[in-house]
Amino acid sequence: MKHPSRAILKAIERNFHEVIRGRVALLHEPPANLKLPRLDETTPTTEDERAWFPVPGMCGGFAYWLDLTSEPPKLISESWCRVCEGSGERHEIDTAGSKLVAEGFV
């Protein structure tokens, strides 16, 4: 399985950043200097190798990995706040946008 082109990764990244901003804004005031994760050829492609993006003040963050078995390729993101029971959300993110596919865990 080959990594998507840079253009596809940028489109997925843009939609991932929207998910992050939306989730963080619901849980607390986002840090002004929050540097969002970048997707590239080193982005993990399995759940076992997933990347972790902690968000200061959120008591949690975002685990994510690329699913290259789907067409089009998509990013899977799981986010939660450890101190908010049931705050877990799982999104599938592609070039067209994001879709909430599970919630209420953690």
PDB file of N, CA and C in Angstrom:
ATOM      1  N   MET A   1       0.837  -1.185   0.000  1.00  0.00           N
ATOM      2  CA  MET A   1       0.000   0.000   0.000  1.00  0.00           C
ATOM      3  C   MET A   1       0.878   1.242   0.000  1.00  0.00           C
ATOM      4  N   LYS A   2       0.626   2.087  -0.940  1.00  0.00           N
ATOM      5  CA  LYS A   2       1.407   3.299  -1.111  1.00  0.00           C
ATOM      6  C   LYS A   2       0.724   4.475  -0.412  1.00  0.00           C
ATOM      7  N   HIS A   3       1.532   5.351   0.180  1.00  0.00           N
ATOM      8  CA  HIS A   3       0.980   6.550   0.800  1.00  0.00           C
ATOM      9  C   HIS A   3       0.309   7.418  -0.259  1.00  0.00           C
ATOM     10  N   PRO A   4      -0.744   8.144   0.128  1.00  0.00           N
ATOM     11  CA  PRO A   4      -1.401   9.059  -0.808  1.00  0.00           C
ATOM     12  C   PRO A   4      -0.456  10.179  -1.237  1.00  0.00           C
ATOM     13  N   SER A   5      -0.816  10.839  -2.316  1.00  0.00           N
ATOM     14  CA  SER A   5      -0.026  11.975  -2.799  1.00  0.00           C
ATOM     15  C   SER A   5      -0.047  13.096  -1.766  1.00  0.00           C
ATOM     16  N   ARG A   6       0.884  14.014  -1.902  1.00  0.00           N
ATOM     17  CA  ARG A   6       0.961  15.162  -0.986  1.00  0.00           C
ATOM     18  C   ARG A   6      -0.335  15.976  -1.028  1.00  0.00           C
ATOM     19  N   ALA A   7      -0.920  16.136  -2.222  1.00  0.00           N
ATOM     20  CA  ALA A   7      -2.163  16.912  -2.359  1.00  0.00           C
ATOM     21  C   ALA A   7      -3.309  16.254  -1.582  1.00  0.00           C
ATOM     22  N   ILE A   8      -3.407  14.940  -1.668  1.00  0.00           N
ATOM     23  CA  ILE A   8      -4.455  14.227  -0.926  1.00  0.00           C
ATOM     24  C   ILE A   8      -4.205  14.332   0.574  1.00  0.00           C
ATOM     25  N   LEU A   9      -2.963  14.158   0.999  1.00  0.00           N
ATOM     26  CA  LEU A   9      -2.637  14.294   2.422  1.00  0.00           C
ATOM     27  C   LEU A   9      -2.967  15.686   2.941  1.00  0.00           C
ATOM     28  N   LYS A  10      -2.697  16.719   2.157  1.00  0.00           N
ATOM     29  CA  LYS A  10      -2.999  18.099   2.583  1.00  0.00           C
ATOM     30  C   LYS A  10      -4.501  18.290   2.768  1.00  0.00           C
ATOM     31  N   ALA A  11      -5.299  17.733   1.859  1.00  0.00           N
ATOM     32  CA  ALA A  11      -6.754  17.857   1.973  1.00  0.00           C
ATOM     33  C   ALA A  11      -7.266  17.116   3.211  1.00  0.00           C
ATOM     34  N   ILE A  12      -6.756  15.908   3.449  1.00  0.00           N
ATOM     35  CA  ILE A  12      -7.138  15.157   4.651  1.00  0.00           C
ATOM     36  C   ILE A  12      -6.679  15.910   5.900  1.00  0.00           C
ATOM     37  N   GLU A  13      -5.463  16.438   5.863  1.00  0.00           N
ATOM     38  CA  GLU A  13      -4.922  17.193   6.999  1.00  0.00           C
ATOM     39  C   GLU A  13      -5.807  18.398   7.331  1.00  0.00           C
ATOM     40  N   ARG A  14      -6.236  19.116   6.323  1.00  0.00           N
ATOM     41  CA  ARG A  14      -7.095  20.292   6.525  1.00  0.00           C
ATOM     42  C   ARG A  14      -8.384  19.875   7.256  1.00  0.00           C
ATOM     43  N   ASN A  15      -8.985  18.780   6.832  1.00  0.00           N
ATOM     44  CA  ASN A  15     -10.210  18.310   7.480  1.00  0.00           C
ATOM     45  C   ASN A  15      -9.942  17.766   8.886  1.00  0.00           C
ATOM     46  N   PHE A  16      -8.791  17.146   9.094  1.00  0.00           N
ATOM     47  CA  PHE A  16      -8.384  16.687  10.424  1.00  0.00           C
ATOM     48  C   PHE A  16      -8.241  17.878  11.369  1.00  0.00           C
ATOM     49  N   HIS A  17      -7.634  18.940  10.898  1.00  0.00           N
ATOM     50  CA  HIS A  17      -7.472  20.137  11.721  1.00  0.00           C
ATOM     51  C   HIS A  17      -8.829  20.722  12.114  1.00  0.00           C
ATOM     52  N   GLU A  18      -9.815  20.660  11.223  1.00  0.00           N
ATOM     53  CA  GLU A  18     -11.165  21.126  11.562  1.00  0.00           C
ATOM     54  C   GLU A  18     -11.762  20.278  12.687  1.00  0.00           C
ATOM     55  N   VAL A  19     -11.558  18.962  12.617  1.00  0.00           N
ATOM     56  CA  VAL A  19     -12.049  18.078  13.680  1.00  0.00           C
ATOM     57  C   VAL A  19     -11.372  18.437  15.001  1.00  0.00           C
ATOM     58  N   ILE A  20     -10.064  18.606  14.984  1.00  0.00           N
ATOM     59  CA  ILE A  20      -9.331  18.947  16.210  1.00  0.00           C
ATOM     60  C   ILE A  20      -9.843  20.256  16.791  1.00  0.00           C
ATOM     61  N   ARG A  21      -9.914  21.287  15.971  1.00  0.00           N
ATOM     62  CA  ARG A  21     -10.377  22.593  16.474  1.00  0.00           C
ATOM     63  C   ARG A  21     -11.785  22.499  17.057  1.00  0.00           C
ATOM     64  N   GLY A  22     -12.661  21.778  16.384  1.00  0.00           N
ATOM     65  CA  GLY A  22     -14.034  21.634  16.864  1.00  0.00           C
ATOM     66  C   GLY A  22     -14.114  20.898  18.185  1.00  0.00           C
ATOM     67  N   ARG A  23     -13.382  19.797  18.307  1.00  0.00           N
ATOM     68  CA  ARG A  23     -13.389  19.020  19.545  1.00  0.00           C
ATOM     69  C   ARG A  23     -12.773  19.807  20.697  1.00  0.00           C
ATOM     70  N   VAL A  24     -11.649  20.442  20.449  1.00  0.00           N
ATOM     71  CA  VAL A  24     -10.969  21.191  21.507  1.00  0.00           C
ATOM     72  C   VAL A  24     -11.850  22.340  21.985  1.00  0.00           C
ATOM     73  N   ALA A  25     -12.500  23.043  21.075  1.00  0.00           N
ATOM     74  CA  ALA A  25     -13.353  24.175  21.447  1.00  0.00           C
ATOM     75  C   ALA A  25     -14.531  23.727  22.318  1.00  0.00           C
ATOM     76  N   LEU A  26     -15.030  22.515  22.106  1.00  0.00           N
ATOM     77  CA  LEU A  26     -16.139  22.006  22.924  1.00  0.00           C
ATOM     78  C   LEU A  26     -15.701  21.651  24.333  1.00  0.00           C
ATOM     79  N   LEU A  27     -14.455  21.232  24.494  1.00  0.00           N
ATOM     80  CA  LEU A  27     -13.981  20.741  25.785  1.00  0.00           C
ATOM     81  C   LEU A  27     -13.316  21.810  26.642  1.00  0.00           C
ATOM     82  N   HIS A  28     -12.664  22.765  26.019  1.00  0.00           N
ATOM     83  CA  HIS A  28     -12.032  23.847  26.777  1.00  0.00           C
ATOM     84  C   HIS A  28     -11.500  24.900  25.813  1.00  0.00           C
ATOM     85  N   GLU A  29     -10.993  25.978  26.363  1.00  0.00           N
ATOM     86  CA  GLU A  29     -10.402  27.046  25.548  1.00  0.00           C
ATOM     87  C   GLU A  29      -9.109  26.541  24.911  1.00  0.00           C
ATOM     88  N   PRO A  30      -9.040  26.534  23.568  1.00  0.00           N
ATOM     89  CA  PRO A  30      -7.816  26.031  22.925  1.00  0.00           C
ATOM     90  C   PRO A  30      -6.617  26.942  23.185  1.00  0.00           C
ATOM     91  N   PRO A  31      -5.447  26.352  23.388  1.00  0.00           N
ATOM     92  CA  PRO A  31      -4.241  27.169  23.550  1.00  0.00           C
ATOM     93  C   PRO A  31      -3.996  27.999  22.287  1.00  0.00           C
ATOM     94  N   ALA A  32      -3.602  29.241  22.457  1.00  0.00           N
ATOM     95  CA  ALA A  32      -3.384  30.136  21.314  1.00  0.00           C
ATOM     96  C   ALA A  32      -2.267  29.643  20.402  1.00  0.00           C
ATOM     97  N   ASN A  33      -1.283  28.996  20.968  1.00  0.00           N
ATOM     98  CA  ASN A  33      -0.121  28.564  20.183  1.00  0.00           C
ATOM     99  C   ASN A  33      -0.167  27.072  19.832  1.00  0.00           C
ATOM    100  N   LEU A  34      -1.357  26.488  19.790  1.00  0.00           N
ATOM    101  CA  LEU A  34      -1.496  25.064  19.498  1.00  0.00           C
ATOM    102  C   LEU A  34      -1.008  24.760  18.084  1.00  0.00           C
ATOM    103  N   LYS A  35       0.037  23.955  17.985  1.00  0.00           N
ATOM    104  CA  LYS A  35       0.591  23.546  16.687  1.00  0.00           C
ATOM    105  C   LYS A  35      -0.033  22.207  16.306  1.00  0.00           C
ATOM    106  N   LEU A  36      -0.813  22.225  15.239  1.00  0.00           N
ATOM    107  CA  LEU A  36      -1.546  21.036  14.822  1.00  0.00           C
ATOM    108  C   LEU A  36      -0.638  20.054  14.092  1.00  0.00           C
ATOM    109  N   PRO A  37      -0.944  18.757  14.182  1.00  0.00           N
ATOM    110  CA  PRO A  37      -0.082  17.742  13.553  1.00  0.00           C
ATOM    111  C   PRO A  37      -0.126  17.816  12.027  1.00  0.00           C
ATOM    112  N   ARG A  38       0.973  17.463  11.418  1.00  0.00           N
ATOM    113  CA  ARG A  38       1.098  17.425   9.955  1.00  0.00           C
ATOM    114  C   ARG A  38       1.075  15.977   9.493  1.00  0.00           C
ATOM    115  N   LEU A  39       0.435  15.740   8.371  1.00  0.00           N
ATOM    116  CA  LEU A  39       0.417  14.405   7.779  1.00  0.00           C
ATOM    117  C   LEU A  39       1.441  14.348   6.662  1.00  0.00           C
ATOM    118  N   ASP A  40       2.196  13.262   6.618  1.00  0.00           N
ATOM    119  CA  ASP A  40       3.185  13.075   5.552  1.00  0.00           C
ATOM    120  C   ASP A  40       3.440  11.589   5.373  1.00  0.00           C
ATOM    121  N   GLU A  41       4.497  11.265   4.654  1.00  0.00           N
ATOM    122  CA  GLU A  41       4.782   9.855   4.363  1.00  0.00           C
ATOM    123  C   GLU A  41       5.172   9.051   5.602  1.00  0.00           C
ATOM    124  N   THR A  42       5.413   9.719   6.729  1.00  0.00           N
ATOM    125  CA  THR A  42       5.743   8.994   7.962  1.00  0.00           C
ATOM    126  C   THR A  42       4.523   8.776   8.863  1.00  0.00           C
ATOM    127  N   THR A  43       3.357   9.280   8.465  1.00  0.00           N
ATOM    128  CA  THR A  43       2.151   9.087   9.264  1.00  0.00           C
ATOM    129  C   THR A  43       1.844   7.592   9.359  1.00  0.00           C
ATOM    130  N   PRO A  44       1.618   7.072  10.566  1.00  0.00           N
ATOM    131  CA  PRO A  44       1.357   5.640  10.731  1.00  0.00           C
ATOM    132  C   PRO A  44       0.175   5.159   9.884  1.00  0.00           C
ATOM    133  N   THR A  45       0.245   3.895   9.478  1.00  0.00           N
ATOM    134  CA  THR A  45      -0.806   3.327   8.634  1.00  0.00           C
ATOM    135  C   THR A  45      -1.514   2.144   9.286  1.00  0.00           C
ATOM    136  N   THR A  46      -1.293   1.933  10.578  1.00  0.00           N
ATOM    137  CA  THR A  46      -2.031   0.899  11.305  1.00  0.00           C
ATOM    138  C   THR A  46      -2.397   1.425  12.688  1.00  0.00           C
ATOM    139  N   GLU A  47      -3.471   0.881  13.236  1.00  0.00           N
ATOM    140  CA  GLU A  47      -3.896   1.288  14.571  1.00  0.00           C
ATOM    141  C   GLU A  47      -2.824   0.970  15.607  1.00  0.00           C
ATOM    142  N   ASP A  48      -2.096  -0.128  15.416  1.00  0.00           N
ATOM    143  CA  ASP A  48      -1.037  -0.506  16.354  1.00  0.00           C
ATOM    144  C   ASP A  48       0.097   0.518  16.397  1.00  0.00           C
ATOM    145  N   GLU A  49       0.321   1.215  15.290  1.00  0.00           N
ATOM    146  CA  GLU A  49       1.412   2.199  15.209  1.00  0.00           C
ATOM    147  C   GLU A  49       0.909   3.634  15.321  1.00  0.00           C
ATOM    148  N   ARG A  50      -0.315   3.825  15.698  1.00  0.00           N
ATOM    149  CA  ARG A  50      -0.945   5.146  15.661  1.00  0.00           C
ATOM    150  C   ARG A  50      -0.096   6.238  16.300  1.00  0.00           C
ATOM    151  N   ALA A  51      -0.286   7.427  15.786  1.00  0.00           N
ATOM    152  CA  ALA A  51       0.388   8.609  16.333  1.00  0.00           C
ATOM    153  C   ALA A  51      -0.487   9.186  17.446  1.00  0.00           C
ATOM    154  N   TRP A  52       0.128   9.978  18.307  1.00  0.00           N
ATOM    155  CA  TRP A  52      -0.589  10.608  19.419  1.00  0.00           C
ATOM    156  C   TRP A  52      -0.337  12.100  19.392  1.00  0.00           C
ATOM    157  N   PHE A  53      -1.430  12.881  19.451  1.00  0.00           N
ATOM    158  CA  PHE A  53      -1.345  14.333  19.507  1.00  0.00           C
ATOM    159  C   PHE A  53      -2.006  14.787  20.804  1.00  0.00           C
ATOM    160  N   PRO A  54      -1.208  15.068  21.854  1.00  0.00           N
ATOM    161  CA  PRO A  54      -1.782  15.537  23.113  1.00  0.00           C
ATOM    162  C   PRO A  54      -2.168  17.010  22.999  1.00  0.00           C
ATOM    163  N   VAL A  55      -3.247  17.369  23.677  1.00  0.00           N
ATOM    164  CA  VAL A  55      -3.680  18.767  23.682  1.00  0.00           C
ATOM    165  C   VAL A  55      -3.558  19.283  25.108  1.00  0.00           C
ATOM    166  N   PRO A  56      -2.676  20.273  25.339  1.00  0.00           N
ATOM    167  CA  PRO A  56      -2.513  20.826  26.684  1.00  0.00           C
ATOM    168  C   PRO A  56      -3.844  21.337  27.239  1.00  0.00           C
ATOM    169  N   GLY A  57      -4.135  20.977  28.481  1.00  0.00           N
ATOM    170  CA  GLY A  57      -5.357  21.416  29.134  1.00  0.00           C
ATOM    171  C   GLY A  57      -6.573  20.546  28.841  1.00  0.00           C
ATOM    172  N   MET A  58      -6.453  19.637  27.881  1.00  0.00           N
ATOM    173  CA  MET A  58      -7.589  18.785  27.509  1.00  0.00           C
ATOM    174  C   MET A  58      -7.616  17.497  28.331  1.00  0.00           C
ATOM    175  N   CYS A  59      -6.501  17.147  28.968  1.00  0.00           N
ATOM    176  CA  CYS A  59      -6.381  15.866  29.675  1.00  0.00           C
ATOM    177  C   CYS A  59      -6.680  14.717  28.726  1.00  0.00           C
ATOM    178  N   GLY A  60      -6.166  14.842  27.544  1.00  0.00           N
ATOM    179  CA  GLY A  60      -6.377  13.825  26.516  1.00  0.00           C
ATOM    180  C   GLY A  60      -5.786  14.314  25.210  1.00  0.00           C
ATOM    181  N   GLY A  61      -6.365  13.874  24.131  1.00  0.00           N
ATOM    182  CA  GLY A  61      -5.859  14.282  22.830  1.00  0.00           C
ATOM    183  C   GLY A  61      -6.412  13.396  21.734  1.00  0.00           C
ATOM    184  N   PHE A  62      -5.589  13.202  20.698  1.00  0.00           N
ATOM    185  CA  PHE A  62      -6.016  12.528  19.477  1.00  0.00           C
ATOM    186  C   PHE A  62      -5.026  11.437  19.081  1.00  0.00           C
ATOM    187  N   ALA A  63      -5.520  10.214  18.953  1.00  0.00           N
ATOM    188  CA  ALA A  63      -4.753   9.126  18.345  1.00  0.00           C
ATOM    189  C   ALA A  63      -5.194   9.086  16.886  1.00  0.00           C
ATOM    190  N   TYR A  64      -4.247   8.869  15.968  1.00  0.00           N
ATOM    191  CA  TYR A  64      -4.638   8.860  14.555  1.00  0.00           C
ATOM    192  C   TYR A  64      -3.700   8.006  13.717  1.00  0.00           C
ATOM    193  N   TRP A  65      -4.240   7.518  12.600  1.00  0.00           N
ATOM    194  CA  TRP A  65      -3.477   6.720  11.644  1.00  0.00           C
ATOM    195  C   TRP A  65      -4.215   6.745  10.305  1.00  0.00           C
ATOM    196  N   LEU A  66      -3.476   6.499   9.246  1.00  0.00           N
ATOM    197  CA  LEU A  66      -4.053   6.427   7.904  1.00  0.00           C
ATOM    198  C   LEU A  66      -4.561   5.018   7.627  1.00  0.00           C
ATOM    199  N   ASP A  67      -5.742   4.930   7.034  1.00  0.00           N
ATOM    200  CA  ASP A  67      -6.280   3.655   6.564  1.00  0.00           C
ATOM    201  C   ASP A  67      -6.104   3.631   5.050  1.00  0.00           C
ATOM    202  N   LEU A  68      -5.092   2.906   4.597  1.00  0.00           N
ATOM    203  CA  LEU A  68      -4.802   2.846   3.167  1.00  0.00           C
ATOM    204  C   LEU A  68      -5.543   1.707   2.482  1.00  0.00           C
ATOM    205  N   THR A  69      -6.345   0.948   3.240  1.00  0.00           N
ATOM    206  CA  THR A  69      -7.112  -0.138   2.636  1.00  0.00           C
ATOM    207  C   THR A  69      -8.423   0.362   2.050  1.00  0.00           C
ATOM    208  N   SER A  70      -8.821   1.573   2.402  1.00  0.00           N
ATOM    209  CA  SER A  70     -10.070   2.125   1.891  1.00  0.00           C
ATOM    210  C   SER A  70      -9.797   2.948   0.633  1.00  0.00           C
ATOM    211  N   GLU A  71     -10.829   3.133  -0.148  1.00  0.00           N
ATOM    212  CA  GLU A  71     -10.723   3.971  -1.340  1.00  0.00           C
ATOM    213  C   GLU A  71     -11.866   4.964  -1.306  1.00  0.00           C
ATOM    214  N   PRO A  72     -11.635   6.244  -1.170  1.00  0.00           N
ATOM    215  CA  PRO A  72     -10.307   6.850  -1.089  1.00  0.00           C
ATOM    216  C   PRO A  72      -9.683   6.598   0.287  1.00  0.00           C
ATOM    217  N   PRO A  73      -8.374   6.833   0.402  1.00  0.00           N
ATOM    218  CA  PRO A  73      -7.719   6.661   1.701  1.00  0.00           C
ATOM    219  C   PRO A  73      -8.314   7.619   2.729  1.00  0.00           C
ATOM    220  N   LYS A  74      -8.292   7.211   3.984  1.00  0.00           N
ATOM    221  CA  LYS A  74      -8.837   8.074   5.030  1.00  0.00           C
ATOM    222  C   LYS A  74      -7.968   8.016   6.272  1.00  0.00           C
ATOM    223  N   LEU A  75      -8.134   9.026   7.087  1.00  0.00           N
ATOM    224  CA  LEU A  75      -7.468   9.099   8.378  1.00  0.00           C
ATOM    225  C   LEU A  75      -8.489   8.695   9.429  1.00  0.00           C
ATOM    226  N   ILE A  76      -8.083   7.852  10.355  1.00  0.00           N
ATOM    227  CA  ILE A  76      -8.925   7.489  11.491  1.00  0.00           C
ATOM    228  C   ILE A  76      -8.399   8.263  12.694  1.00  0.00           C
ATOM    229  N   SER A  77      -9.300   8.943  13.390  1.00  0.00           N
ATOM    230  CA  SER A  77      -8.917   9.729  14.560  1.00  0.00           C
ATOM    231  C   SER A  77      -9.807   9.336  15.732  1.00  0.00           C
ATOM    232  N   GLU A  78      -9.186   9.066  16.874  1.00  0.00           N
ATOM    233  CA  GLU A  78      -9.912   8.816  18.116  1.00  0.00           C
ATOM    234  C   GLU A  78      -9.467   9.860  19.129  1.00  0.00           C
ATOM    235  N   SER A  79     -10.430  10.551  19.724  1.00  0.00           N
ATOM    236  CA  SER A  79     -10.084  11.610  20.680  1.00  0.00           C
ATOM    237  C   SER A  79     -10.916  11.453  21.944  1.00  0.00           C
ATOM    238  N   TRP A  80     -10.359  11.941  23.046  1.00  0.00           N
ATOM    239  CA  TRP A  80     -11.056  11.874  24.321  1.00  0.00           C
ATOM    240  C   TRP A  80     -10.402  12.796  25.333  1.00  0.00           C
ATOM    241  N   CYS A  81     -11.163  13.060  26.388  1.00  0.00           N
ATOM    242  CA  CYS A  81     -10.687  13.793  27.562  1.00  0.00           C
ATOM    243  C   CYS A  81     -10.815  12.821  28.731  1.00  0.00           C
ATOM    244  N   ARG A  82      -9.711  12.518  29.395  1.00  0.00           N
ATOM    245  CA  ARG A  82      -9.719  11.510  30.467  1.00  0.00           C
ATOM    246  C   ARG A  82     -10.660  11.846  31.617  1.00  0.00           C
ATOM    247  N   VAL A  83     -10.935  13.111  31.846  1.00  0.00           N
ATOM    248  CA  VAL A  83     -11.759  13.493  32.989  1.00  0.00           C
ATOM    249  C   VAL A  83     -13.233  13.686  32.630  1.00  0.00           C
ATOM    250  N   CYS A  84     -13.586  13.498  31.375  1.00  0.00           N
ATOM    251  CA  CYS A  84     -14.983  13.600  30.934  1.00  0.00           C
ATOM    252  C   CYS A  84     -15.462  12.225  30.489  1.00  0.00           C
ATOM    253  N   GLU A  85     -16.173  11.532  31.366  1.00  0.00           N
ATOM    254  CA  GLU A  85     -16.633  10.184  31.042  1.00  0.00           C
ATOM    255  C   GLU A  85     -17.496  10.202  29.785  1.00  0.00           C
ATOM    256  N   GLY A  86     -17.234   9.266  28.888  1.00  0.00           N
ATOM    257  CA  GLY A  86     -18.005   9.159  27.652  1.00  0.00           C
ATOM    258  C   GLY A  86     -17.625  10.159  26.582  1.00  0.00           C
ATOM    259  N   SER A  87     -16.469  10.814  26.729  1.00  0.00           N
ATOM    260  CA  SER A  87     -16.080  11.869  25.780  1.00  0.00           C
ATOM    261  C   SER A  87     -15.438  11.344  24.500  1.00  0.00           C
ATOM    262  N   GLY A  88     -15.178  10.042  24.421  1.00  0.00           N
ATOM    263  CA  GLY A  88     -14.483   9.499  23.254  1.00  0.00           C
ATOM    264  C   GLY A  88     -15.269   9.646  21.964  1.00  0.00           C
ATOM    265  N   GLU A  89     -14.579  10.049  20.912  1.00  0.00           N
ATOM    266  CA  GLU A  89     -15.161  10.126  19.578  1.00  0.00           C
ATOM    267  C   GLU A  89     -14.173   9.564  18.567  1.00  0.00           C
ATOM    268  N   ARG A  90     -14.717   8.845  17.593  1.00  0.00           N
ATOM    269  CA  ARG A  90     -13.905   8.308  16.498  1.00  0.00           C
ATOM    270  C   ARG A  90     -14.431   8.906  15.198  1.00  0.00           C
ATOM    271  N   HIS A  91     -13.523   9.499  14.440  1.00  0.00           N
ATOM    272  CA  HIS A  91     -13.870  10.099  13.147  1.00  0.00           C
ATOM    273  C   HIS A  91     -13.120   9.410  12.023  1.00  0.00           C
ATOM    274  N   GLU A  92     -13.767   9.313  10.878  1.00  0.00           N
ATOM    275  CA  GLU A  92     -13.116   8.931   9.633  1.00  0.00           C
ATOM    276  C   GLU A  92     -13.027  10.205   8.802  1.00  0.00           C
ATOM    277  N   ILE A  93     -11.826  10.512   8.335  1.00  0.00           N
ATOM    278  CA  ILE A  93     -11.570  11.787   7.668  1.00  0.00           C
ATOM    279  C   ILE A  93     -10.952  11.510   6.309  1.00  0.00           C
ATOM    280  N   ASP A  94     -11.544  12.114   5.272  1.00  0.00           N
ATOM    281  CA  ASP A  94     -10.966  11.977   3.936  1.00  0.00           C
ATOM    282  C   ASP A  94     -10.927  13.343   3.268  1.00  0.00           C
ATOM    283  N   THR A  95     -10.725  13.372   1.968  1.00  0.00           N
ATOM    284  CA  THR A  95     -10.594  14.653   1.266  1.00  0.00           C
ATOM    285  C   THR A  95     -11.909  15.421   1.225  1.00  0.00           C
ATOM    286  N   ALA A  96     -13.038  14.736   1.396  1.00  0.00           N
ATOM    287  CA  ALA A  96     -14.347  15.391   1.326  1.00  0.00           C
ATOM    288  C   ALA A  96     -14.808  15.954   2.665  1.00  0.00           C
ATOM    289  N   GLY A  97     -14.224  15.496   3.769  1.00  0.00           N
ATOM    290  CA  GLY A  97     -14.650  15.970   5.078  1.00  0.00           C
ATOM    291  C   GLY A  97     -14.442  14.906   6.137  1.00  0.00           C
ATOM    292  N   SER A  98     -15.265  14.983   7.191  1.00  0.00           N
ATOM    293  CA  SER A  98     -15.136  14.026   8.291  1.00  0.00           C
ATOM    294  C   SER A  98     -16.502  13.467   8.649  1.00  0.00           C
ATOM    295  N   LYS A  99     -16.464  12.273   9.239  1.00  0.00           N
ATOM    296  CA  LYS A  99     -17.696  11.602   9.643  1.00  0.00           C
ATOM    297  C   LYS A  99     -17.481  10.997  11.027  1.00  0.00           C
ATOM    298  N   LEU A 100     -18.354  11.332  11.963  1.00  0.00           N
ATOM    299  CA  LEU A 100     -18.330  10.739  13.297  1.00  0.00           C
ATOM    300  C   LEU A 100     -18.884   9.320  13.183  1.00  0.00           C
ATOM    301  N   VAL A 101     -18.076   8.320  13.553  1.00  0.00           N
ATOM    302  CA  VAL A 101     -18.506   6.925  13.390  1.00  0.00           C
ATOM    303  C   VAL A 101     -18.681   6.188  14.723  1.00  0.00           C
ATOM    304  N   ALA A 102     -18.204   6.766  15.822  1.00  0.00           N
ATOM    305  CA  ALA A 102     -18.396   6.159  17.148  1.00  0.00           C
ATOM    306  C   ALA A 102     -18.236   7.248  18.197  1.00  0.00           C
ATOM    307  N   GLU A 103     -18.961   7.106  19.289  1.00  0.00           N
ATOM    308  CA  GLU A 103     -18.833   8.073  20.382  1.00  0.00           C
ATOM    309  C   GLU A 103     -19.238   7.430  21.695  1.00  0.00           C
ATOM    310  N   GLY A 104     -18.841   8.082  22.789  1.00  0.00           N
ATOM    311  CA  GLY A 104     -19.235   7.636  24.110  1.00  0.00           C
ATOM    312  C   GLY A 104     -18.266   6.717  24.817  1.00  0.00           C
ATOM    313  N   PHE A 105     -17.176   6.371  24.161  1.00  0.00           N
ATOM    314  CA  PHE A 105     -16.195   5.512  24.826  1.00  0.00           C
ATOM    315  C   PHE A 105     -15.238   6.361  25.650  1.00  0.00           C
ATOM    316  N   VAL A 106     -14.492   5.764  26.511  1.00  0.00           N
ATOM    317  CA  VAL A 106     -13.529   6.349  27.461  1.00  0.00           C
ATOM    318  C   VAL A 106     -14.272   7.010  28.601  1.00  0.00           C
TER     319      VAL A 106
END
